C-alpha atoms as a PDB file:
ATOM      1  CA  MET A   1      -0.993 -11.523   1.649  1.00  0.00           C
ATOM      2  CA  PRO A   2       2.380 -12.284  -0.025  1.00  0.00           C
ATOM      3  CA  LEU A   3       4.506  -9.313  -1.153  1.00  0.00           C
ATOM      4  CA  PRO A   4       4.160  -9.768  -4.969  1.00  0.00           C
ATOM      5  CA  LEU A   5       0.382  -9.985  -4.655  1.00  0.00           C
ATOM      6  CA  ALA A   6       0.273  -6.952  -2.354  1.00  0.00           C
ATOM      7  CA  GLN A   7       2.369  -4.960  -4.853  1.00  0.00           C
ATOM      8  CA  ARG A   8      -0.008  -5.799  -7.710  1.00  0.00           C
ATOM      9  CA  HIS A   9      -3.037  -4.913  -5.608  1.00  0.00           C
ATOM     10  CA  ALA A  10      -1.450  -1.646  -4.474  1.00  0.00           C
ATOM     11  CA  TRP A  11      -0.712  -0.494  -8.017  1.00  0.00           C
ATOM     12  CA  ASN A  12      -4.168  -1.566  -9.226  1.00  0.00           C
ATOM     13  CA  LEU A  13      -5.885   0.219  -6.333  1.00  0.00           C
ATOM     14  CA  ALA A  14      -3.890   3.406  -6.914  1.00  0.00           C
ATOM     15  CA  ARG A  15      -4.772   3.446 -10.632  1.00  0.00           C
ATOM     16  CA  THR A  16      -8.432   2.575 -10.058  1.00  0.00           C
ATOM     17  CA  LEU A  17      -9.080   5.110  -7.281  1.00  0.00           C
ATOM     18  CA  MET A  18      -6.536   7.656  -8.566  1.00  0.00           C
ATOM     19  CA  VAL A  19      -5.222   8.225  -5.037  1.00  0.00           C
ATOM     20  CA  CYS A  20      -1.856   7.592  -3.396  1.00  0.00           C
ATOM     21  CA  VAL A  21      -1.751   4.110  -1.841  1.00  0.00           C
ATOM     22  CA  THR A  22       0.582   2.804   0.867  1.00  0.00           C
ATOM     23  CA  LEU A  23       2.012  -0.716   0.953  1.00  0.00           C
ATOM     24  CA  PHE A  24       2.978  -1.646   4.516  1.00  0.00           C
ATOM     25  CA  ARG A  25       4.139  -4.624   6.549  1.00  0.00           C
ATOM     26  CA  ALA A  26       1.668  -5.981   9.104  1.00  0.00           C
ATOM     27  CA  GLY A  27       3.496  -8.630  11.087  1.00  0.00           C
ATOM     28  CA  ALA A  28       4.317 -11.487   8.704  1.00  0.00           C
ATOM     29  CA  ALA A  29       1.904 -10.221   6.025  1.00  0.00           C
ATOM     30  CA  TYR A  30       1.510  -7.085   3.916  1.00  0.00           C
ATOM     31  CA  GLY A  31      -1.341  -4.638   3.614  1.00  0.00           C
ATOM     32  CA  VAL A  32      -2.505  -1.973   1.200  1.00  0.00           C
ATOM     33  CA  MET A  33      -4.622   1.111   1.922  1.00  0.00           C
ATOM     34  CA  PRO A  34      -5.067   4.706   0.759  1.00  0.00           C
ATOM     35  CA  SER A  35      -2.222   6.829   2.097  1.00  0.00           C
ATOM     36  CA  ALA A  36      -4.598   9.412   3.580  1.00  0.00           C
ATOM     37  CA  GLU A  37      -6.037   6.725   5.871  1.00  0.00           C
ATOM     38  CA  TYR A  38      -2.735   5.166   7.011  1.00  0.00           C
ATOM     39  CA  ASP A  39      -1.853   6.263  10.540  1.00  0.00           C
ATOM     40  CA  GLY A  40       0.499   3.439  11.514  1.00  0.00           C
ATOM     41  CA  ASP A  41       4.214   3.445  12.158  1.00  0.00           C
ATOM     42  CA  ALA A  42       6.179   5.048   9.315  1.00  0.00           C
ATOM     43  CA  SER A  43       8.888   2.374   9.646  1.00  0.00           C
ATOM     44  CA  HIS A  44       6.391  -0.261   8.429  1.00  0.00           C
ATOM     45  CA  ILE A  45       5.805   1.492   5.092  1.00  0.00           C
ATOM     46  CA  LEU A  46       7.456  -0.347   2.198  1.00  0.00           C
ATOM     47  CA  HIS A  47       6.331   1.795  -0.724  1.00  0.00           C
ATOM     48  CA  GLU A  48       3.865   4.502  -1.657  1.00  0.00           C
ATOM     49  CA  TYR A  49       2.212   4.260  -5.073  1.00  0.00           C
ATOM     50  CA  ASP A  50       1.284   7.538  -6.760  1.00  0.00           C
ATOM     51  CA  PRO A  51      -1.003   7.084  -9.791  1.00  0.00           C
ATOM     52  CA  PHE A  52      -0.025  10.478 -11.213  1.00  0.00           C
END
């Protein structure tokens, strides 16, 4: 997933679920998931979206 698309999805997911969401790098792509479920390397985190 390209970075601009991942950023839009991250913000939308955070606002829809009303939970903190982490945007991270996964190799050459980017991923988005709830922060409570992310257990990967902290150096791969690009941004954390807080809906509050």
